[in-house]
PDB file of all heavy atoms in Angstrom:
ATOM      1  N   VAL A   1     -16.219  33.182  15.478  1.00  0.00           N
ATOM      2  CA  VAL A   1     -15.527  32.450  16.565  1.00  0.00           C
ATOM      3  C   VAL A   1     -15.213  31.039  16.052  1.00  0.00           C
ATOM      4  O   VAL A   1     -16.086  30.317  15.615  1.00  0.00           O
ATOM      5  CB  VAL A   1     -16.417  32.385  17.825  1.00  0.00           C
ATOM      6  CG1 VAL A   1     -15.731  31.567  18.912  1.00  0.00           C
ATOM      7  CG2 VAL A   1     -16.764  33.779  18.346  1.00  0.00           C
ATOM      8  N   VAL A   2     -13.947  30.668  16.183  1.00  0.00           N
ATOM      9  CA  VAL A   2     -13.492  29.331  15.833  1.00  0.00           C
ATOM     10  C   VAL A   2     -13.231  28.544  17.105  1.00  0.00           C
ATOM     11  O   VAL A   2     -12.463  28.935  17.962  1.00  0.00           O
ATOM     12  CB  VAL A   2     -12.231  29.365  14.982  1.00  0.00           C
ATOM     13  CG1 VAL A   2     -11.720  27.947  14.682  1.00  0.00           C
ATOM     14  CG2 VAL A   2     -12.462  30.119  13.666  1.00  0.00           C
ATOM     15  N   GLY A   3     -13.976  27.443  17.278  1.00  0.00           N
ATOM     16  CA  GLY A   3     -13.765  26.571  18.407  1.00  0.00           C
ATOM     17  C   GLY A   3     -12.944  25.393  18.046  1.00  0.00           C
ATOM     18  O   GLY A   3     -13.197  24.724  17.038  1.00  0.00           O
ATOM     19  N   VAL A   4     -11.881  25.112  18.827  1.00  0.00           N
ATOM     20  CA  VAL A   4     -10.990  23.984  18.544  1.00  0.00           C
ATOM     21  C   VAL A   4     -11.051  23.036  19.743  1.00  0.00           C
ATOM     22  O   VAL A   4     -10.952  23.447  20.901  1.00  0.00           O
ATOM     23  CB  VAL A   4      -9.530  24.447  18.376  1.00  0.00           C
ATOM     24  CG1 VAL A   4      -8.602  23.283  18.134  1.00  0.00           C
ATOM     25  CG2 VAL A   4      -9.460  25.455  17.224  1.00  0.00           C
ATOM     26  N   LEU A   5     -11.284  21.746  19.451  1.00  0.00           N
ATOM     27  CA  LEU A   5     -11.305  20.749  20.501  1.00  0.00           C
ATOM     28  C   LEU A   5     -10.160  19.761  20.269  1.00  0.00           C
ATOM     29  O   LEU A   5     -10.160  19.056  19.253  1.00  0.00           O
ATOM     30  CB  LEU A   5     -12.643  19.989  20.550  1.00  0.00           C
ATOM     31  CG  LEU A   5     -12.831  19.075  21.765  1.00  0.00           C
ATOM     32  CD1 LEU A   5     -13.040  19.911  23.031  1.00  0.00           C
ATOM     33  CD2 LEU A   5     -13.928  18.099  21.573  1.00  0.00           C
ATOM     34  N   PHE A   6      -9.227  19.682  21.199  1.00  0.00           N
ATOM     35  CA  PHE A   6      -8.175  18.705  21.122  1.00  0.00           C
ATOM     36  C   PHE A   6      -8.627  17.441  21.774  1.00  0.00           C
ATOM     37  O   PHE A   6      -8.996  17.414  22.938  1.00  0.00           O
ATOM     38  CB  PHE A   6      -6.922  19.271  21.833  1.00  0.00           C
ATOM     39  CG  PHE A   6      -6.276  20.405  21.145  1.00  0.00           C
ATOM     40  CD1 PHE A   6      -6.437  21.725  21.603  1.00  0.00           C
ATOM     41  CD2 PHE A   6      -5.514  20.198  20.005  1.00  0.00           C
ATOM     42  CE1 PHE A   6      -5.838  22.772  20.962  1.00  0.00           C
ATOM     43  CE2 PHE A   6      -4.910  21.275  19.338  1.00  0.00           C
ATOM     44  CZ  PHE A   6      -5.078  22.574  19.837  1.00  0.00           C
ATOM     45  N   PHE A   7      -8.635  16.340  21.004  1.00  0.00           N
ATOM     46  CA  PHE A   7      -9.127  15.062  21.477  1.00  0.00           C
ATOM     47  C   PHE A   7      -8.112  14.417  22.441  1.00  0.00           C
ATOM     48  O   PHE A   7      -6.913  14.608  22.289  1.00  0.00           O
ATOM     49  CB  PHE A   7      -9.354  14.084  20.317  1.00  0.00           C
ATOM     50  CG  PHE A   7     -10.445  14.515  19.352  1.00  0.00           C
ATOM     51  CD1 PHE A   7     -11.147  15.710  19.520  1.00  0.00           C
ATOM     52  CD2 PHE A   7     -10.773  13.689  18.286  1.00  0.00           C
ATOM     53  CE1 PHE A   7     -12.130  16.071  18.593  1.00  0.00           C
ATOM     54  CE2 PHE A   7     -11.781  14.035  17.372  1.00  0.00           C
ATOM     55  CZ  PHE A   7     -12.446  15.249  17.522  1.00  0.00           C
ATOM     56  N   PRO A   8      -8.591  13.615  23.399  1.00  0.00           N
ATOM     57  CA  PRO A   8      -7.634  12.921  24.296  1.00  0.00           C
ATOM     58  C   PRO A   8      -6.947  11.777  23.550  1.00  0.00           C
ATOM     59  O   PRO A   8      -7.389  11.321  22.499  1.00  0.00           O
ATOM     60  CB  PRO A   8      -8.590  12.389  25.391  1.00  0.00           C
ATOM     61  CG  PRO A   8      -9.907  12.195  24.717  1.00  0.00           C
ATOM     62  CD  PRO A   8      -9.982  13.323  23.717  1.00  0.00           C
ATOM     63  N   VAL A   9      -5.879  11.328  24.134  1.00  0.00           N
ATOM     64  CA  VAL A   9      -5.156  10.165  23.601  1.00  0.00           C
ATOM     65  C   VAL A   9      -6.030   8.940  23.727  1.00  0.00           C
ATOM     66  O   VAL A   9      -6.718   8.732  24.730  1.00  0.00           O
ATOM     67  CB  VAL A   9      -3.821   9.952  24.369  1.00  0.00           C
ATOM     68  CG1 VAL A   9      -3.175   8.657  23.923  1.00  0.00           C
ATOM     69  CG2 VAL A   9      -2.905  11.109  24.152  1.00  0.00           C
ATOM     70  N   GLY A  10      -6.071   8.097  22.673  1.00  0.00           N
ATOM     71  CA  GLY A  10      -6.876   6.881  22.692  1.00  0.00           C
ATOM     72  C   GLY A  10      -6.438   5.917  23.811  1.00  0.00           C
ATOM     73  O   GLY A  10      -5.234   5.807  24.083  1.00  0.00           O
ATOM     74  N   LYS A  11      -7.400   5.232  24.388  1.00  0.00           N
ATOM     75  CA  LYS A  11      -7.087   4.364  25.514  1.00  0.00           C
ATOM     76  C   LYS A  11      -6.828   2.912  25.064  1.00  0.00           C
ATOM     77  O   LYS A  11      -6.267   2.108  25.845  1.00  0.00           O
ATOM     78  CB  LYS A  11      -8.228   4.377  26.524  1.00  0.00           C
ATOM     79  CG  LYS A  11      -8.393   5.696  27.225  1.00  0.00           C
ATOM     80  CD  LYS A  11      -9.530   5.632  28.255  1.00  0.00           C
ATOM     81  CE  LYS A  11      -9.656   6.966  29.003  1.00  0.00           C
ATOM     82  NZ  LYS A  11     -10.747   6.937  29.997  1.00  0.00           N
ATOM     83  N   ASN A  12      -7.230   2.529  23.877  1.00  0.00           N
ATOM     84  CA  ASN A  12      -7.005   1.202  23.402  1.00  0.00           C
ATOM     85  C   ASN A  12      -5.552   1.030  22.943  1.00  0.00           C
ATOM     86  O   ASN A  12      -4.855   2.022  22.643  1.00  0.00           O
ATOM     87  CB  ASN A  12      -7.955   0.865  22.257  1.00  0.00           C
ATOM     88  CG  ASN A  12      -9.360   0.587  22.730  1.00  0.00           C
ATOM     89  OD1 ASN A  12      -9.576   0.045  23.812  1.00  0.00           O
ATOM     90  ND2 ASN A  12     -10.340   0.962  21.898  1.00  0.00           N
ATOM     91  N   PRO A  13      -5.069  -0.218  22.838  1.00  0.00           N
ATOM     92  CA  PRO A  13      -3.716  -0.434  22.304  1.00  0.00           C
ATOM     93  C   PRO A  13      -3.555   0.220  20.938  1.00  0.00           C
ATOM     94  O   PRO A  13      -4.469   0.195  20.136  1.00  0.00           O
ATOM     95  CB  PRO A  13      -3.633  -1.981  22.243  1.00  0.00           C
ATOM     96  CG  PRO A  13      -4.588  -2.468  23.265  1.00  0.00           C
ATOM     97  CD  PRO A  13      -5.711  -1.492  23.256  1.00  0.00           C
ATOM     98  N   GLY A  14      -2.387   0.817  20.716  1.00  0.00           N
ATOM     99  CA  GLY A  14      -2.176   1.525  19.468  1.00  0.00           C
ATOM    100  C   GLY A  14      -2.795   2.892  19.446  1.00  0.00           C
ATOM    101  O   GLY A  14      -2.934   3.511  18.374  1.00  0.00           O
ATOM    102  N   ARG A  15      -3.231   3.382  20.604  1.00  0.00           N
ATOM    103  CA  ARG A  15      -3.804   4.734  20.755  1.00  0.00           C
ATOM    104  C   ARG A  15      -5.192   4.899  20.113  1.00  0.00           C
ATOM    105  O   ARG A  15      -5.639   5.972  19.963  1.00  0.00           O
ATOM    106  CB  ARG A  15      -2.864   5.769  20.152  1.00  0.00           C
ATOM    107  CG  ARG A  15      -1.500   5.813  20.767  1.00  0.00           C
ATOM    108  CD  ARG A  15      -0.559   6.741  20.037  1.00  0.00           C
ATOM    109  NE  ARG A  15      -0.924   8.147  20.253  1.00  0.00           N
ATOM    110  CZ  ARG A  15      -0.361   9.162  19.637  1.00  0.00           C
ATOM    111  NH1 ARG A  15       0.598   8.955  18.743  1.00  0.00           N
ATOM    112  NH2 ARG A  15      -0.717  10.409  19.893  1.00  0.00           N
ATOM    113  N   THR A  16      -5.856   3.829  19.775  1.00  0.00           N
ATOM    114  CA  THR A  16      -7.186   3.968  19.198  1.00  0.00           C
ATOM    115  C   THR A  16      -8.180   4.283  20.304  1.00  0.00           C
ATOM    116  O   THR A  16      -8.043   3.852  21.448  1.00  0.00           O
ATOM    117  CB  THR A  16      -7.631   2.681  18.459  1.00  0.00           C
ATOM    118  OG1 THR A  16      -7.625   1.592  19.402  1.00  0.00           O
ATOM    119  CG2 THR A  16      -6.703   2.380  17.311  1.00  0.00           C
ATOM    120  N   PRO A  17      -9.238   5.056  19.986  1.00  0.00           N
ATOM    121  CA  PRO A  17     -10.185   5.497  21.004  1.00  0.00           C
ATOM    122  C   PRO A  17     -11.198   4.422  21.362  1.00  0.00           C
ATOM    123  O   PRO A  17     -11.444   3.469  20.573  1.00  0.00           O
ATOM    124  CB  PRO A  17     -10.857   6.711  20.373  1.00  0.00           C
ATOM    125  CG  PRO A  17     -10.777   6.394  18.882  1.00  0.00           C
ATOM    126  CD  PRO A  17      -9.482   5.650  18.676  1.00  0.00           C
ATOM    127  N   THR A  18     -11.873   4.568  22.474  1.00  0.00           N
ATOM    128  CA  THR A  18     -12.978   3.717  22.869  1.00  0.00           C
ATOM    129  C   THR A  18     -14.292   4.387  22.541  1.00  0.00           C
ATOM    130  O   THR A  18     -14.364   5.603  22.248  1.00  0.00           O
ATOM    131  CB  THR A  18     -12.928   3.458  24.392  1.00  0.00           C
ATOM    132  OG1 THR A  18     -13.111   4.703  25.083  1.00  0.00           O
ATOM    133  CG2 THR A  18     -11.576   2.833  24.807  1.00  0.00           C
ATOM    134  N   GLU A  19     -15.388   3.640  22.594  1.00  0.00           N
ATOM    135  CA  GLU A  19     -16.712   4.214  22.373  1.00  0.00           C
ATOM    136  C   GLU A  19     -17.020   5.276  23.433  1.00  0.00           C
ATOM    137  O   GLU A  19     -17.666   6.285  23.143  1.00  0.00           O
ATOM    138  CB  GLU A  19     -17.770   3.114  22.386  1.00  0.00           C
ATOM    139  CG  GLU A  19     -17.767   2.202  21.169  1.00  0.00           C
ATOM    140  CD  GLU A  19     -18.201   2.924  19.889  1.00  0.00           C
ATOM    141  OE1 GLU A  19     -19.014   3.899  19.999  1.00  0.00           O
ATOM    142  OE2 GLU A  19     -17.762   2.503  18.809  1.00  0.00           O
ATOM    143  N   GLU A  20     -16.515   5.037  24.651  1.00  0.00           N
ATOM    144  CA  GLU A  20     -16.725   6.025  25.726  1.00  0.00           C
ATOM    145  C   GLU A  20     -16.026   7.327  25.363  1.00  0.00           C
ATOM    146  O   GLU A  20     -16.535   8.418  25.650  1.00  0.00           O
ATOM    147  CB  GLU A  20     -16.197   5.501  27.059  1.00  0.00           C
ATOM    148  CG  GLU A  20     -17.015   4.378  27.658  1.00  0.00           C
ATOM    149  CD  GLU A  20     -16.791   3.014  26.988  1.00  0.00           C
ATOM    150  OE1 GLU A  20     -15.787   2.879  26.202  1.00  0.00           O
ATOM    151  OE2 GLU A  20     -17.568   2.089  27.242  1.00  0.00           O
ATOM    152  N   GLN A  21     -14.844   7.271  24.752  1.00  0.00           N
ATOM    153  CA  GLN A  21     -14.148   8.467  24.338  1.00  0.00           C
ATOM    154  C   GLN A  21     -14.877   9.165  23.182  1.00  0.00           C
ATOM    155  O   GLN A  21     -14.895  10.401  23.124  1.00  0.00           O
ATOM    156  CB  GLN A  21     -12.696   8.135  23.949  1.00  0.00           C
ATOM    157  CG  GLN A  21     -11.830   7.803  25.148  1.00  0.00           C
ATOM    158  CD  GLN A  21     -10.389   7.609  24.788  1.00  0.00           C
ATOM    159  OE1 GLN A  21     -10.064   6.726  24.011  1.00  0.00           O
ATOM    160  NE2 GLN A  21      -9.514   8.457  25.338  1.00  0.00           N
ATOM    161  N   PHE A  22     -15.457   8.398  22.278  1.00  0.00           N
ATOM    162  CA  PHE A  22     -16.263   9.008  21.244  1.00  0.00           C
ATOM    163  C   PHE A  22     -17.354   9.857  21.877  1.00  0.00           C
ATOM    164  O   PHE A  22     -17.564  11.025  21.497  1.00  0.00           O
ATOM    165  CB  PHE A  22     -16.902   7.925  20.354  1.00  0.00           C
ATOM    166  CG  PHE A  22     -15.996   7.298  19.358  1.00  0.00           C
ATOM    167  CD1 PHE A  22     -16.462   6.280  18.541  1.00  0.00           C
ATOM    168  CD2 PHE A  22     -14.692   7.707  19.177  1.00  0.00           C
ATOM    169  CE1 PHE A  22     -15.659   5.664  17.569  1.00  0.00           C
ATOM    170  CE2 PHE A  22     -13.846   7.111  18.236  1.00  0.00           C
ATOM    171  CZ  PHE A  22     -14.346   6.108  17.441  1.00  0.00           C
ATOM    172  N   ALA A  23     -18.054   9.301  22.868  1.00  0.00           N
ATOM    173  CA  ALA A  23     -19.165   9.980  23.488  1.00  0.00           C
ATOM    174  C   ALA A  23     -18.640  11.230  24.248  1.00  0.00           C
ATOM    175  O   ALA A  23     -19.283  12.277  24.258  1.00  0.00           O
ATOM    176  CB  ALA A  23     -19.906   9.053  24.451  1.00  0.00           C
ATOM    177  N   GLN A  24     -17.491  11.076  24.908  1.00  0.00           N
ATOM    178  CA  GLN A  24     -16.914  12.195  25.650  1.00  0.00           C
ATOM    179  C   GLN A  24     -16.569  13.363  24.707  1.00  0.00           C
ATOM    180  O   GLN A  24     -16.851  14.539  25.019  1.00  0.00           O
ATOM    181  CB  GLN A  24     -15.644  11.715  26.354  1.00  0.00           C
ATOM    182  CG  GLN A  24     -14.919  12.756  27.174  1.00  0.00           C
ATOM    183  CD  GLN A  24     -13.568  12.237  27.696  1.00  0.00           C
ATOM    184  OE1 GLN A  24     -12.886  11.444  27.026  1.00  0.00           O
ATOM    185  NE2 GLN A  24     -13.182  12.657  28.878  1.00  0.00           N
ATOM    186  N   VAL A  25     -16.006  13.061  23.562  1.00  0.00           N
ATOM    187  CA  VAL A  25     -15.617  14.081  22.598  1.00  0.00           C
ATOM    188  C   VAL A  25     -16.843  14.720  21.956  1.00  0.00           C
ATOM    189  O   VAL A  25     -16.910  15.950  21.750  1.00  0.00           O
ATOM    190  CB  VAL A  25     -14.680  13.490  21.535  1.00  0.00           C
ATOM    191  CG1 VAL A  25     -14.539  14.392  20.350  1.00  0.00           C
ATOM    192  CG2 VAL A  25     -13.297  13.199  22.157  1.00  0.00           C
ATOM    193  N   VAL A  26     -17.880  13.919  21.634  1.00  0.00           N
ATOM    194  CA  VAL A  26     -19.102  14.486  21.066  1.00  0.00           C
ATOM    195  C   VAL A  26     -19.771  15.437  22.047  1.00  0.00           C
ATOM    196  O   VAL A  26     -20.244  16.515  21.651  1.00  0.00           O
ATOM    197  CB  VAL A  26     -20.056  13.331  20.679  1.00  0.00           C
ATOM    198  CG1 VAL A  26     -21.452  13.881  20.380  1.00  0.00           C
ATOM    199  CG2 VAL A  26     -19.517  12.593  19.456  1.00  0.00           C
ATOM    200  N   LYS A  27     -19.794  15.070  23.330  1.00  0.00           N
ATOM    201  CA  LYS A  27     -20.412  15.928  24.339  1.00  0.00           C
ATOM    202  C   LYS A  27     -19.649  17.264  24.426  1.00  0.00           C
ATOM    203  O   LYS A  27     -20.259  18.343  24.451  1.00  0.00           O
ATOM    204  CB  LYS A  27     -20.362  15.233  25.696  1.00  0.00           C
ATOM    205  CG  LYS A  27     -20.982  16.056  26.827  1.00  0.00           C
ATOM    206  CD  LYS A  27     -20.986  15.283  28.156  1.00  0.00           C
ATOM    207  CE  LYS A  27     -21.580  16.089  29.277  1.00  0.00           C
ATOM    208  NZ  LYS A  27     -21.575  15.345  30.563  1.00  0.00           N
TER     209      LYS A  27
END
């Protein structure tokens, strides 16, 4: 089984992610 997770668009300027998004994706 191959699991694929598409990450959300970054919320910071320039589309960079926040620490909260890091945690969301890790979860």
